[in-house]
PDB file of N, CA and C in Angstrom:
ATOM      1  N   MET A   1       0.924  -1.391   0.067  1.00  0.00           N
ATOM      2  CA  MET A   1       0.082   0.087  -0.232  1.00  0.00           C
ATOM      3  C   MET A   1       1.038   1.049   0.264  1.00  0.00           C
ATOM      4  N   ASP A   2       0.474   2.267  -0.980  1.00  0.00           N
ATOM      5  CA  ASP A   2       1.256   3.437  -0.800  1.00  0.00           C
ATOM      6  C   ASP A   2       0.824   4.410   0.379  1.00  0.00           C
ATOM      7  N   ASP A   3       1.796   5.199   0.441  1.00  0.00           N
ATOM      8  CA  ASP A   3       1.658   6.239   1.664  1.00  0.00           C
ATOM      9  C   ASP A   3       0.176   7.354   1.324  1.00  0.00           C
ATOM     10  N   THR A   4       0.187   7.495  -0.224  1.00  0.00           N
ATOM     11  CA  THR A   4      -0.626   8.698  -0.618  1.00  0.00           C
ATOM     12  C   THR A   4      -2.274   8.100  -0.526  1.00  0.00           C
ATOM     13  N   SER A   5      -2.424   6.863  -0.077  1.00  0.00           N
ATOM     14  CA  SER A   5      -4.122   6.013   0.272  1.00  0.00           C
ATOM     15  C   SER A   5      -4.337   6.315   1.806  1.00  0.00           C
ATOM     16  N   ILE A   6      -3.154   6.730   2.599  1.00  0.00           N
ATOM     17  CA  ILE A   6      -3.792   7.158   3.587  1.00  0.00           C
ATOM     18  C   ILE A   6      -4.025   8.398   3.969  1.00  0.00           C
ATOM     19  N   PRO A   7      -5.355   8.435   4.674  1.00  0.00           N
ATOM     20  CA  PRO A   7      -5.800   9.921   4.653  1.00  0.00           C
ATOM     21  C   PRO A   7      -4.859  10.763   5.909  1.00  0.00           C
ATOM     22  N   PRO A   8      -4.817  11.909   5.776  1.00  0.00           N
ATOM     23  CA  PRO A   8      -4.151  12.727   6.743  1.00  0.00           C
ATOM     24  C   PRO A   8      -5.272  12.537   8.267  1.00  0.00           C
ATOM     25  N   ASN A   9      -4.339  13.058   9.102  1.00  0.00           N
ATOM     26  CA  ASN A   9      -4.778  12.617  10.291  1.00  0.00           C
ATOM     27  C   ASN A   9      -4.368  13.827  10.924  1.00  0.00           C
ATOM     28  N   PRO A  10      -5.490  14.907  11.773  1.00  0.00           N
ATOM     29  CA  PRO A  10      -5.409  16.112  12.000  1.00  0.00           C
ATOM     30  C   PRO A  10      -4.701  16.197  13.511  1.00  0.00           C
ATOM     31  N   ALA A  11      -4.898  14.666  14.064  1.00  0.00           N
ATOM     32  CA  ALA A  11      -4.006  15.064  15.396  1.00  0.00           C
ATOM     33  C   ALA A  11      -2.495  14.934  15.342  1.00  0.00           C
ATOM     34  N   ASP A  12      -2.254  14.370  13.968  1.00  0.00           N
ATOM     35  CA  ASP A  12      -0.702  14.581  14.325  1.00  0.00           C
ATOM     36  C   ASP A  12      -0.042  15.711  13.634  1.00  0.00           C
ATOM     37  N   ASP A  13      -0.831  17.091  13.253  1.00  0.00           N
ATOM     38  CA  ASP A  13      -0.844  18.553  13.080  1.00  0.00           C
ATOM     39  C   ASP A  13      -0.317  19.012  14.023  1.00  0.00           C
ATOM     40  N   ASP A  14       0.756  19.788  14.078  1.00  0.00           N
ATOM     41  CA  ASP A  14       1.794  20.916  14.984  1.00  0.00           C
ATOM     42  C   ASP A  14       0.641  22.449  14.376  1.00  0.00           C
ATOM     43  N   SER A  15      -0.339  22.569  15.428  1.00  0.00           N
ATOM     44  CA  SER A  15      -0.981  24.165  15.096  1.00  0.00           C
ATOM     45  C   SER A  15      -0.321  25.150  15.430  1.00  0.00           C
ATOM     46  N   ASP A  16       0.757  25.052  15.893  1.00  0.00           N
ATOM     47  CA  ASP A  16       1.834  26.353  15.825  1.00  0.00           C
ATOM     48  C   ASP A  16       2.637  26.604  14.539  1.00  0.00           C
ATOM     49  N   ALA A  17       2.358  25.696  14.039  1.00  0.00           N
ATOM     50  CA  ALA A  17       2.850  25.445  12.448  1.00  0.00           C
ATOM     51  C   ALA A  17       2.101  26.829  11.576  1.00  0.00           C
ATOM     52  N   TYR A  18       0.926  26.636  12.086  1.00  0.00           N
ATOM     53  CA  TYR A  18       0.006  27.545  11.107  1.00  0.00           C
ATOM     54  C   TYR A  18       0.113  29.295  11.508  1.00  0.00           C
ATOM     55  N   VAL A  19       0.915  29.733  12.565  1.00  0.00           N
ATOM     56  CA  VAL A  19       0.866  31.090  13.001  1.00  0.00           C
ATOM     57  C   VAL A  19       2.029  31.589  12.068  1.00  0.00           C
ATOM     58  N   GLY A  20       1.651  32.786  11.687  1.00  0.00           N
ATOM     59  CA  GLY A  20       2.199  33.779  10.656  1.00  0.00           C
ATOM     60  C   GLY A  20       1.943  33.135   8.859  1.00  0.00           C
ATOM     61  N   LEU A  21       1.063  32.454   8.901  1.00  0.00           N
ATOM     62  CA  LEU A  21       0.812  31.921   7.481  1.00  0.00           C
ATOM     63  C   LEU A  21      -0.598  32.973   7.105  1.00  0.00           C
ATOM     64  N   GLY A  22      -0.714  32.944   5.969  1.00  0.00           N
ATOM     65  CA  GLY A  22      -1.771  34.042   5.419  1.00  0.00           C
ATOM     66  C   GLY A  22      -2.918  33.398   5.836  1.00  0.00           C
ATOM     67  N   ALA A  23      -4.241  33.724   5.825  1.00  0.00           N
ATOM     68  CA  ALA A  23      -5.723  33.210   6.246  1.00  0.00           C
ATOM     69  C   ALA A  23      -5.935  32.132   5.330  1.00  0.00           C
ATOM     70  N   ALA A  24      -5.735  32.506   4.247  1.00  0.00           N
ATOM     71  CA  ALA A  24      -6.394  31.442   2.978  1.00  0.00           C
ATOM     72  C   ALA A  24      -5.127  30.337   2.814  1.00  0.00           C
ATOM     73  N   GLU A  25      -4.104  30.632   2.829  1.00  0.00           N
ATOM     74  CA  GLU A  25      -3.028  29.692   2.892  1.00  0.00           C
ATOM     75  C   GLU A  25      -3.006  28.442   4.080  1.00  0.00           C
ATOM     76  N   ALA A  26      -3.500  29.312   5.425  1.00  0.00           N
ATOM     77  CA  ALA A  26      -3.811  28.262   6.582  1.00  0.00           C
ATOM     78  C   ALA A  26      -4.911  27.512   6.556  1.00  0.00           C
ATOM     79  N   GLU A  27      -5.801  28.033   5.895  1.00  0.00           N
ATOM     80  CA  GLU A  27      -7.150  27.268   5.643  1.00  0.00           C
ATOM     81  C   GLU A  27      -7.037  26.090   4.659  1.00  0.00           C
ATOM     82  N   GLN A  28      -6.362  26.333   3.544  1.00  0.00           N
ATOM     83  CA  GLN A  28      -6.017  25.610   2.413  1.00  0.00           C
ATOM     84  C   GLN A  28      -5.074  24.492   3.280  1.00  0.00           C
ATOM     85  N   ARG A  29      -4.009  24.762   3.902  1.00  0.00           N
ATOM     86  CA  ARG A  29      -2.941  23.634   4.525  1.00  0.00           C
ATOM     87  C   ARG A  29      -3.656  22.817   5.586  1.00  0.00           C
ATOM     88  N   ALA A  30      -4.603  23.446   6.266  1.00  0.00           N
ATOM     89  CA  ALA A  30      -5.468  22.269   7.434  1.00  0.00           C
ATOM     90  C   ALA A  30      -6.676  21.654   6.648  1.00  0.00           C
ATOM     91  N   ARG A  31      -6.987  22.088   5.646  1.00  0.00           N
ATOM     92  CA  ARG A  31      -7.939  20.825   4.478  1.00  0.00           C
ATOM     93  C   ARG A  31      -7.279  20.161   4.128  1.00  0.00           C
ATOM     94  N   GLN A  32      -5.873  20.249   3.763  1.00  0.00           N
ATOM     95  CA  GLN A  32      -5.255  19.304   3.414  1.00  0.00           C
ATOM     96  C   GLN A  32      -4.647  18.122   4.194  1.00  0.00           C
ATOM     97  N   ARG A  33      -4.545  18.856   5.410  1.00  0.00           N
ATOM     98  CA  ARG A  33      -3.836  17.799   6.604  1.00  0.00           C
ATOM     99  C   ARG A  33      -5.117  17.279   7.131  1.00  0.00           C
ATOM    100  N   GLY A  34      -6.690  17.241   7.087  1.00  0.00           N
ATOM    101  CA  GLY A  34      -7.341  16.043   7.224  1.00  0.00           C
ATOM    102  C   GLY A  34      -8.562  17.224   7.984  1.00  0.00           C
ATOM    103  N   TRP A  35      -8.422  18.355   8.531  1.00  0.00           N
ATOM    104  CA  TRP A  35      -9.439  19.078   9.312  1.00  0.00           C
ATOM    105  C   TRP A  35     -10.689  19.409   8.625  1.00  0.00           C
ATOM    106  N   GLY A  36     -11.533  18.891   9.278  1.00  0.00           N
ATOM    107  CA  GLY A  36     -12.906  18.619   8.506  1.00  0.00           C
ATOM    108  C   GLY A  36     -13.622  20.213   8.548  1.00  0.00           C
ATOM    109  N   THR A  37     -13.417  21.020   9.724  1.00  0.00           N
ATOM    110  CA  THR A  37     -13.773  22.332  10.258  1.00  0.00           C
ATOM    111  C   THR A  37     -12.865  23.257  10.265  1.00  0.00           C
ATOM    112  N   VAL A  38     -12.833  24.591   9.679  1.00  0.00           N
ATOM    113  CA  VAL A  38     -11.646  25.298   9.841  1.00  0.00           C
ATOM    114  C   VAL A  38     -12.609  26.791  10.058  1.00  0.00           C
ATOM    115  N   ARG A  39     -12.080  27.493  11.504  1.00  0.00           N
ATOM    116  CA  ARG A  39     -13.114  28.168  11.701  1.00  0.00           C
ATOM    117  C   ARG A  39     -11.766  29.653  11.795  1.00  0.00           C
ATOM    118  N   CYS A  40     -12.019  30.689  11.245  1.00  0.00           N
ATOM    119  CA  CYS A  40     -11.162  32.099  11.192  1.00  0.00           C
ATOM    120  C   CYS A  40     -11.984  33.035  12.114  1.00  0.00           C
ATOM    121  N   LEU A  41     -11.602  33.589  12.966  1.00  0.00           N
ATOM    122  CA  LEU A  41     -11.678  34.457  13.525  1.00  0.00           C
ATOM    123  C   LEU A  41     -11.137  35.874  13.929  1.00  0.00           C
ATOM    124  N   PRO A  42     -11.574  36.749  14.854  1.00  0.00           N
ATOM    125  CA  PRO A  42     -10.701  38.126  15.032  1.00  0.00           C
ATOM    126  C   PRO A  42     -10.041  37.774  16.487  1.00  0.00           C
ATOM    127  N   PRO A  43      -9.201  38.184  16.753  1.00  0.00           N
ATOM    128  CA  PRO A  43      -7.733  38.007  17.664  1.00  0.00           C
ATOM    129  C   PRO A  43      -8.759  38.138  19.066  1.00  0.00           C
ATOM    130  N   ASP A  44      -9.822  38.751  19.279  1.00  0.00           N
ATOM    131  CA  ASP A  44     -10.564  39.099  20.410  1.00  0.00           C
ATOM    132  C   ASP A  44     -11.840  38.788  20.083  1.00  0.00           C
ATOM    133  N   ALA A  45     -12.207  37.526  19.465  1.00  0.00           N
ATOM    134  CA  ALA A  45     -13.625  37.476  19.167  1.00  0.00           C
ATOM    135  C   ALA A  45     -14.403  36.752  20.287  1.00  0.00           C
ATOM    136  N   ILE A  46     -15.888  36.959  20.905  1.00  0.00           N
ATOM    137  CA  ILE A  46     -16.274  36.227  22.095  1.00  0.00           C
ATOM    138  C   ILE A  46     -17.012  35.253  21.011  1.00  0.00           C
ATOM    139  N   ILE A  47     -16.274  33.840  21.683  1.00  0.00           N
ATOM    140  CA  ILE A  47     -16.841  32.717  21.271  1.00  0.00           C
ATOM    141  C   ILE A  47     -17.005  31.621  22.455  1.00  0.00           C
ATOM    142  N   THR A  48     -18.085  30.566  22.552  1.00  0.00           N
ATOM    143  CA  THR A  48     -18.357  29.375  23.158  1.00  0.00           C
ATOM    144  C   THR A  48     -17.361  28.904  23.386  1.00  0.00           C
ATOM    145  N   MET A  49     -16.983  27.909  24.489  1.00  0.00           N
ATOM    146  CA  MET A  49     -16.227  27.040  24.539  1.00  0.00           C
ATOM    147  C   MET A  49     -16.227  25.492  24.338  1.00  0.00           C
ATOM    148  N   GLU A  50     -17.075  25.296  23.626  1.00  0.00           N
ATOM    149  CA  GLU A  50     -17.539  24.029  23.207  1.00  0.00           C
ATOM    150  C   GLU A  50     -16.284  23.546  22.340  1.00  0.00           C
ATOM    151  N   TYR A  51     -15.836  22.038  22.830  1.00  0.00           N
ATOM    152  CA  TYR A  51     -14.864  21.271  21.857  1.00  0.00           C
ATOM    153  C   TYR A  51     -15.500  20.955  20.938  1.00  0.00           C
ATOM    154  N   VAL A  52     -14.988  20.731  19.804  1.00  0.00           N
ATOM    155  CA  VAL A  52     -15.612  20.413  18.456  1.00  0.00           C
ATOM    156  C   VAL A  52     -14.090  19.512  17.566  1.00  0.00           C
ATOM    157  N   ALA A  53     -14.511  18.109  17.817  1.00  0.00           N
ATOM    158  CA  ALA A  53     -13.508  17.354  17.495  1.00  0.00           C
ATOM    159  C   ALA A  53     -13.207  17.651  16.004  1.00  0.00           C
ATOM    160  N   GLY A  54     -11.956  17.530  15.515  1.00  0.00           N
ATOM    161  CA  GLY A  54     -11.972  17.684  13.859  1.00  0.00           C
ATOM    162  C   GLY A  54     -12.014  19.481  13.457  1.00  0.00           C
ATOM    163  N   ARG A  55     -12.206  19.891  14.585  1.00  0.00           N
ATOM    164  CA  ARG A  55     -11.866  21.581  14.073  1.00  0.00           C
ATOM    165  C   ARG A  55     -10.766  22.042  14.432  1.00  0.00           C
ATOM    166  N   ILE A  56     -10.258  22.949  13.439  1.00  0.00           N
ATOM    167  CA  ILE A  56      -9.090  24.080  13.836  1.00  0.00           C
ATOM    168  C   ILE A  56      -9.509  25.507  13.949  1.00  0.00           C
ATOM    169  N   ASN A  57      -8.989  26.100  14.847  1.00  0.00           N
ATOM    170  CA  ASN A  57      -9.502  27.992  15.280  1.00  0.00           C
ATOM    171  C   ASN A  57      -8.353  28.500  14.730  1.00  0.00           C
ATOM    172  N   PHE A  58      -8.522  29.478  14.000  1.00  0.00           N
ATOM    173  CA  PHE A  58      -7.317  30.627  13.741  1.00  0.00           C
ATOM    174  C   PHE A  58      -7.884  32.253  14.205  1.00  0.00           C
ATOM    175  N   ALA A  59      -6.964  32.490  14.823  1.00  0.00           N
ATOM    176  CA  ALA A  59      -7.103  33.915  15.030  1.00  0.00           C
ATOM    177  C   ALA A  59      -6.481  34.850  13.962  1.00  0.00           C
ATOM    178  N   VAL A  60      -7.339  35.600  13.299  1.00  0.00           N
ATOM    179  CA  VAL A  60      -6.578  36.254  12.167  1.00  0.00           C
ATOM    180  C   VAL A  60      -6.727  37.943  12.391  1.00  0.00           C
ATOM    181  N   LYS A  61      -5.389  38.535  12.217  1.00  0.00           N
ATOM    182  CA  LYS A  61      -5.384  39.987  11.989  1.00  0.00           C
ATOM    183  C   LYS A  61      -4.646  40.221  10.954  1.00  0.00           C
ATOM    184  N   ASP A  62      -5.336  41.043  10.073  1.00  0.00           N
ATOM    185  CA  ASP A  62      -4.689  41.676   8.568  1.00  0.00           C
ATOM    186  C   ASP A  62      -4.471  40.653   7.880  1.00  0.00           C
ATOM    187  N   ASP A  63      -4.966  39.525   8.035  1.00  0.00           N
ATOM    188  CA  ASP A  63      -4.858  38.371   6.979  1.00  0.00           C
ATOM    189  C   ASP A  63      -3.674  37.337   7.462  1.00  0.00           C
ATOM    190  N   GLU A  64      -3.268  37.477   8.487  1.00  0.00           N
ATOM    191  CA  GLU A  64      -2.288  36.755   9.089  1.00  0.00           C
ATOM    192  C   GLU A  64      -2.863  35.950  10.135  1.00  0.00           C
ATOM    193  N   VAL A  65      -2.464  34.738  10.205  1.00  0.00           N
ATOM    194  CA  VAL A  65      -2.911  33.867  11.527  1.00  0.00           C
ATOM    195  C   VAL A  65      -1.948  34.269  12.834  1.00  0.00           C
ATOM    196  N   VAL A  66      -2.637  34.642  13.716  1.00  0.00           N
ATOM    197  CA  VAL A  66      -1.733  35.286  15.071  1.00  0.00           C
ATOM    198  C   VAL A  66      -1.611  34.178  16.080  1.00  0.00           C
ATOM    199  N   ARG A  67      -3.001  33.286  16.119  1.00  0.00           N
ATOM    200  CA  ARG A  67      -2.856  32.385  17.112  1.00  0.00           C
ATOM    201  C   ARG A  67      -3.845  31.222  16.448  1.00  0.00           C
ATOM    202  N   CYS A  68      -3.671  29.931  17.050  1.00  0.00           N
ATOM    203  CA  CYS A  68      -4.232  28.570  16.586  1.00  0.00           C
ATOM    204  C   CYS A  68      -4.264  27.909  17.341  1.00  0.00           C
ATOM    205  N   TRP A  69      -5.525  27.074  17.521  1.00  0.00           N
ATOM    206  CA  TRP A  69      -5.897  25.862  18.651  1.00  0.00           C
ATOM    207  C   TRP A  69      -7.116  25.228  18.326  1.00  0.00           C
ATOM    208  N   ARG A  70      -7.134  23.936  18.700  1.00  0.00           N
ATOM    209  CA  ARG A  70      -7.876  22.912  18.154  1.00  0.00           C
ATOM    210  C   ARG A  70      -8.931  22.919  18.722  1.00  0.00           C
ATOM    211  N   GLY A  71     -10.218  22.289  18.260  1.00  0.00           N
ATOM    212  CA  GLY A  71     -11.741  22.082  18.717  1.00  0.00           C
ATOM    213  C   GLY A  71     -12.594  23.191  18.677  1.00  0.00           C
TER     214      GLY A  71
END
């Protein structure tokens, strides 16, 4: 079996690697790495604290990811 047949696993992804990327590039990379839901928010957005498996969150300022977290 070749490695391209194995789907990416978001659990193996390093969320710190997204900081500093442009918002569109970060979203595209996250989807390629298997994240089902990608959420982009302003840095100080008020959000609920529910954890959603398979979701990655980006705080975006001036089209740059300044913070990233799972759930």
